[in-house]
């Protein structure tokens, strides 16, 4: 199975996360999303990326990983660059 182009780490109660997921779906992007509240392995990956377990209070969600690049929040221009 091929790897997804984007990994999206989010929570269901995060408005920016929901906006990003809707945008990626609309663009038919190749991504997989992880709910860090329900998926312990995904939360551990996010803790490694961010450097702290207090991810939600840092206002960094959603976190998008595209290869070696990590994006925090929903920046449409940066997402579009990753989708090319």
N, C-alpha and C. Protein backbone atom coordinates (compact mmCIF):
# COMPACT_ATOMS: atom_id res chain seq x y z
N UNK A 1 0.84 -1.18 0.00
CA UNK A 1 0.00 0.00 0.00
C UNK A 1 0.88 1.24 0.00
N UNK A 2 0.57 2.17 -0.85
CA UNK A 2 1.36 3.41 -0.96
C UNK A 2 1.07 4.33 0.22
N UNK A 3 2.05 5.09 0.59
CA UNK A 3 1.88 6.04 1.68
C UNK A 3 1.04 7.22 1.21
N UNK A 4 0.26 7.76 2.13
CA UNK A 4 -0.53 8.95 1.80
C UNK A 4 0.41 10.15 1.70
N UNK A 5 0.05 11.09 0.84
CA UNK A 5 0.89 12.26 0.66
C UNK A 5 0.91 13.13 1.93
N UNK A 6 -0.23 13.26 2.60
CA UNK A 6 -0.33 14.09 3.80
C UNK A 6 -0.85 13.27 4.98
N UNK A 7 -0.28 13.54 6.15
CA UNK A 7 -0.81 13.01 7.40
C UNK A 7 -1.36 14.20 8.15
N UNK A 8 -2.61 14.09 8.60
CA UNK A 8 -3.27 15.18 9.31
C UNK A 8 -3.60 14.70 10.72
N UNK A 9 -3.09 15.41 11.71
CA UNK A 9 -3.37 15.10 13.11
C UNK A 9 -4.33 16.17 13.63
N UNK A 10 -5.46 15.71 14.17
CA UNK A 10 -6.48 16.66 14.58
C UNK A 10 -7.34 16.11 15.70
N UNK A 11 -8.30 16.92 16.13
CA UNK A 11 -9.32 16.50 17.09
C UNK A 11 -10.67 16.91 16.52
N UNK A 12 -11.74 16.20 16.86
CA UNK A 12 -13.05 16.51 16.28
C UNK A 12 -13.63 17.85 16.74
N UNK A 13 -13.18 18.37 17.89
CA UNK A 13 -13.75 19.62 18.40
C UNK A 13 -12.97 20.86 17.93
N UNK A 14 -11.98 20.68 17.08
CA UNK A 14 -11.14 21.78 16.60
C UNK A 14 -11.72 22.33 15.29
N UNK A 15 -12.21 23.59 15.30
CA UNK A 15 -12.80 24.16 14.09
C UNK A 15 -11.82 24.21 12.90
N UNK A 16 -10.56 24.57 13.17
CA UNK A 16 -9.57 24.63 12.08
C UNK A 16 -9.32 23.23 11.50
N UNK A 17 -9.36 22.23 12.36
CA UNK A 17 -9.16 20.84 11.90
C UNK A 17 -10.29 20.45 10.95
N UNK A 18 -11.52 20.73 11.36
CA UNK A 18 -12.67 20.38 10.54
C UNK A 18 -12.66 21.13 9.22
N UNK A 19 -12.25 22.38 9.25
CA UNK A 19 -12.15 23.19 8.03
C UNK A 19 -11.10 22.59 7.09
N UNK A 20 -9.96 22.21 7.64
CA UNK A 20 -8.90 21.61 6.83
C UNK A 20 -9.35 20.29 6.22
N UNK A 21 -9.97 19.42 7.01
CA UNK A 21 -10.42 18.13 6.49
C UNK A 21 -11.43 18.32 5.36
N UNK A 22 -12.34 19.28 5.51
CA UNK A 22 -13.32 19.56 4.46
C UNK A 22 -12.62 20.07 3.21
N UNK A 23 -11.62 20.93 3.38
CA UNK A 23 -10.87 21.49 2.25
C UNK A 23 -10.12 20.37 1.51
N UNK A 24 -9.44 19.52 2.25
CA UNK A 24 -8.68 18.42 1.62
C UNK A 24 -9.62 17.46 0.88
N UNK A 25 -10.78 17.19 1.46
CA UNK A 25 -11.74 16.31 0.81
C UNK A 25 -12.25 16.94 -0.48
N UNK A 26 -12.54 18.23 -0.42
CA UNK A 26 -13.01 18.96 -1.60
C UNK A 26 -11.97 18.93 -2.72
N UNK A 27 -10.70 19.03 -2.34
CA UNK A 27 -9.59 19.02 -3.31
C UNK A 27 -9.23 17.60 -3.76
N UNK A 28 -9.91 16.60 -3.16
CA UNK A 28 -9.61 15.19 -3.44
C UNK A 28 -8.13 14.87 -3.19
N UNK A 29 -7.63 15.45 -2.11
CA UNK A 29 -6.22 15.27 -1.74
C UNK A 29 -5.98 13.86 -1.21
N UNK A 30 -4.75 13.41 -1.37
CA UNK A 30 -4.33 12.11 -0.85
C UNK A 30 -3.84 12.32 0.58
N UNK A 31 -4.72 12.05 1.55
CA UNK A 31 -4.36 12.27 2.94
C UNK A 31 -5.01 11.21 3.82
N UNK A 32 -4.47 11.12 5.02
CA UNK A 32 -5.08 10.30 6.06
C UNK A 32 -5.11 11.15 7.33
N UNK A 33 -6.23 11.09 8.03
CA UNK A 33 -6.35 11.90 9.25
C UNK A 33 -6.34 10.99 10.48
N UNK A 34 -5.78 11.52 11.54
CA UNK A 34 -5.68 10.82 12.82
C UNK A 34 -6.32 11.67 13.90
N UNK A 35 -7.23 11.09 14.66
CA UNK A 35 -7.85 11.76 15.80
C UNK A 35 -6.95 11.51 17.01
N UNK A 36 -6.23 12.53 17.43
CA UNK A 36 -5.25 12.35 18.51
C UNK A 36 -5.90 12.14 19.87
N UNK A 37 -7.22 12.35 19.96
CA UNK A 37 -7.93 12.05 21.21
C UNK A 37 -8.23 10.57 21.34
N UNK A 38 -8.39 9.88 20.20
CA UNK A 38 -8.78 8.46 20.22
C UNK A 38 -7.63 7.53 19.85
N UNK A 39 -6.63 8.03 19.16
CA UNK A 39 -5.53 7.19 18.66
C UNK A 39 -4.25 7.49 19.45
N UNK A 40 -3.92 6.60 20.37
CA UNK A 40 -2.75 6.83 21.23
C UNK A 40 -1.45 6.90 20.44
N UNK A 41 -1.32 6.08 19.42
CA UNK A 41 -0.09 6.11 18.60
C UNK A 41 0.04 7.44 17.87
N UNK A 42 -1.07 7.96 17.37
CA UNK A 42 -1.05 9.26 16.69
C UNK A 42 -0.67 10.36 17.67
N UNK A 43 -1.21 10.30 18.89
CA UNK A 43 -0.86 11.30 19.91
C UNK A 43 0.64 11.25 20.21
N UNK A 44 1.19 10.03 20.31
CA UNK A 44 2.63 9.89 20.58
C UNK A 44 3.45 10.51 19.45
N UNK A 45 3.01 10.32 18.20
CA UNK A 45 3.71 10.93 17.05
C UNK A 45 3.67 12.45 17.14
N UNK A 46 2.51 12.99 17.51
CA UNK A 46 2.37 14.45 17.63
C UNK A 46 3.24 14.99 18.75
N UNK A 47 3.31 14.27 19.86
CA UNK A 47 4.16 14.70 20.98
C UNK A 47 5.62 14.77 20.52
N UNK A 48 6.05 13.80 19.71
CA UNK A 48 7.42 13.84 19.17
C UNK A 48 7.63 15.05 18.27
N UNK A 49 6.63 15.35 17.44
CA UNK A 49 6.73 16.47 16.50
C UNK A 49 6.78 17.80 17.24
N UNK A 50 5.85 17.97 18.19
CA UNK A 50 5.69 19.26 18.88
C UNK A 50 6.65 19.41 20.06
N UNK A 51 6.98 18.30 20.72
CA UNK A 51 7.90 18.36 21.84
C UNK A 51 7.23 18.48 23.19
N UNK A 52 5.91 18.40 23.23
CA UNK A 52 5.18 18.45 24.49
C UNK A 52 3.88 17.68 24.35
N UNK A 53 3.35 17.21 25.47
CA UNK A 53 2.09 16.47 25.46
C UNK A 53 0.88 17.40 25.47
N UNK A 54 1.09 18.67 25.74
CA UNK A 54 0.00 19.64 25.86
C UNK A 54 -0.30 20.25 24.49
N UNK A 55 -0.63 19.42 23.53
CA UNK A 55 -0.76 19.84 22.13
C UNK A 55 -1.91 20.81 21.92
N UNK A 56 -3.08 20.49 22.48
CA UNK A 56 -4.26 21.32 22.24
C UNK A 56 -4.09 22.76 22.71
N UNK A 57 -3.46 22.96 23.86
CA UNK A 57 -3.33 24.33 24.39
C UNK A 57 -2.32 25.16 23.62
N UNK A 58 -1.50 24.52 22.80
CA UNK A 58 -0.50 25.26 22.02
C UNK A 58 -1.09 25.90 20.77
N UNK A 59 -2.34 25.60 20.48
CA UNK A 59 -3.01 26.15 19.31
C UNK A 59 -2.25 25.81 18.03
N UNK A 60 -1.73 24.61 17.94
CA UNK A 60 -0.98 24.16 16.77
C UNK A 60 -1.82 23.27 15.86
N UNK A 61 -2.99 22.86 16.32
CA UNK A 61 -3.81 21.96 15.53
C UNK A 61 -4.52 22.70 14.40
N UNK A 62 -4.75 22.08 13.30
CA UNK A 62 -4.29 20.76 12.92
C UNK A 62 -2.80 20.76 12.61
N UNK A 63 -2.19 19.60 12.72
CA UNK A 63 -0.79 19.44 12.34
C UNK A 63 -0.77 18.57 11.08
N UNK A 64 -0.12 19.09 10.05
CA UNK A 64 -0.03 18.39 8.78
C UNK A 64 1.42 18.02 8.52
N UNK A 65 1.65 16.75 8.22
CA UNK A 65 2.99 16.29 7.88
C UNK A 65 2.98 15.89 6.41
N UNK A 66 3.85 16.55 5.65
CA UNK A 66 4.00 16.26 4.21
C UNK A 66 5.47 15.95 3.98
N UNK A 67 5.80 14.66 3.98
CA UNK A 67 7.21 14.27 3.86
C UNK A 67 7.96 14.72 5.09
N UNK A 68 8.96 15.56 4.90
CA UNK A 68 9.75 16.10 6.01
C UNK A 68 9.20 17.42 6.54
N UNK A 69 8.21 17.98 5.86
CA UNK A 69 7.66 19.29 6.21
C UNK A 69 6.51 19.14 7.20
N UNK A 70 6.48 20.01 8.21
CA UNK A 70 5.40 20.02 9.20
C UNK A 70 4.73 21.39 9.18
N UNK A 71 3.41 21.39 9.04
CA UNK A 71 2.63 22.63 9.05
C UNK A 71 1.73 22.64 10.28
N UNK A 72 1.62 23.80 10.90
CA UNK A 72 0.76 23.96 12.06
C UNK A 72 -0.40 24.87 11.69
N UNK A 73 -1.62 24.47 12.06
CA UNK A 73 -2.79 25.26 11.74
C UNK A 73 -3.21 25.01 10.29
N UNK A 74 -4.16 25.80 9.83
CA UNK A 74 -4.67 25.66 8.47
C UNK A 74 -4.29 26.88 7.66
N UNK A 75 -3.22 26.75 6.89
CA UNK A 75 -2.77 27.80 5.99
C UNK A 75 -2.98 27.29 4.56
N UNK A 76 -4.02 27.81 3.91
CA UNK A 76 -4.42 27.32 2.59
C UNK A 76 -3.28 27.35 1.57
N UNK A 77 -2.50 28.42 1.56
CA UNK A 77 -1.39 28.53 0.59
C UNK A 77 -0.35 27.44 0.81
N UNK A 78 0.01 27.20 2.07
CA UNK A 78 0.99 26.16 2.38
C UNK A 78 0.47 24.76 2.06
N UNK A 79 -0.81 24.54 2.35
CA UNK A 79 -1.43 23.25 2.02
C UNK A 79 -1.40 23.03 0.52
N UNK A 80 -1.78 24.06 -0.23
CA UNK A 80 -1.79 23.96 -1.70
C UNK A 80 -0.40 23.64 -2.26
N UNK A 81 0.64 24.21 -1.64
CA UNK A 81 2.00 23.90 -2.08
C UNK A 81 2.31 22.41 -1.87
N UNK A 82 1.84 21.86 -0.78
CA UNK A 82 2.09 20.45 -0.47
C UNK A 82 1.31 19.52 -1.40
N UNK A 83 0.21 20.01 -1.93
CA UNK A 83 -0.64 19.19 -2.78
C UNK A 83 -0.14 19.11 -4.21
N UNK A 84 0.79 19.98 -4.58
CA UNK A 84 1.31 20.00 -5.95
C UNK A 84 2.26 18.85 -6.21
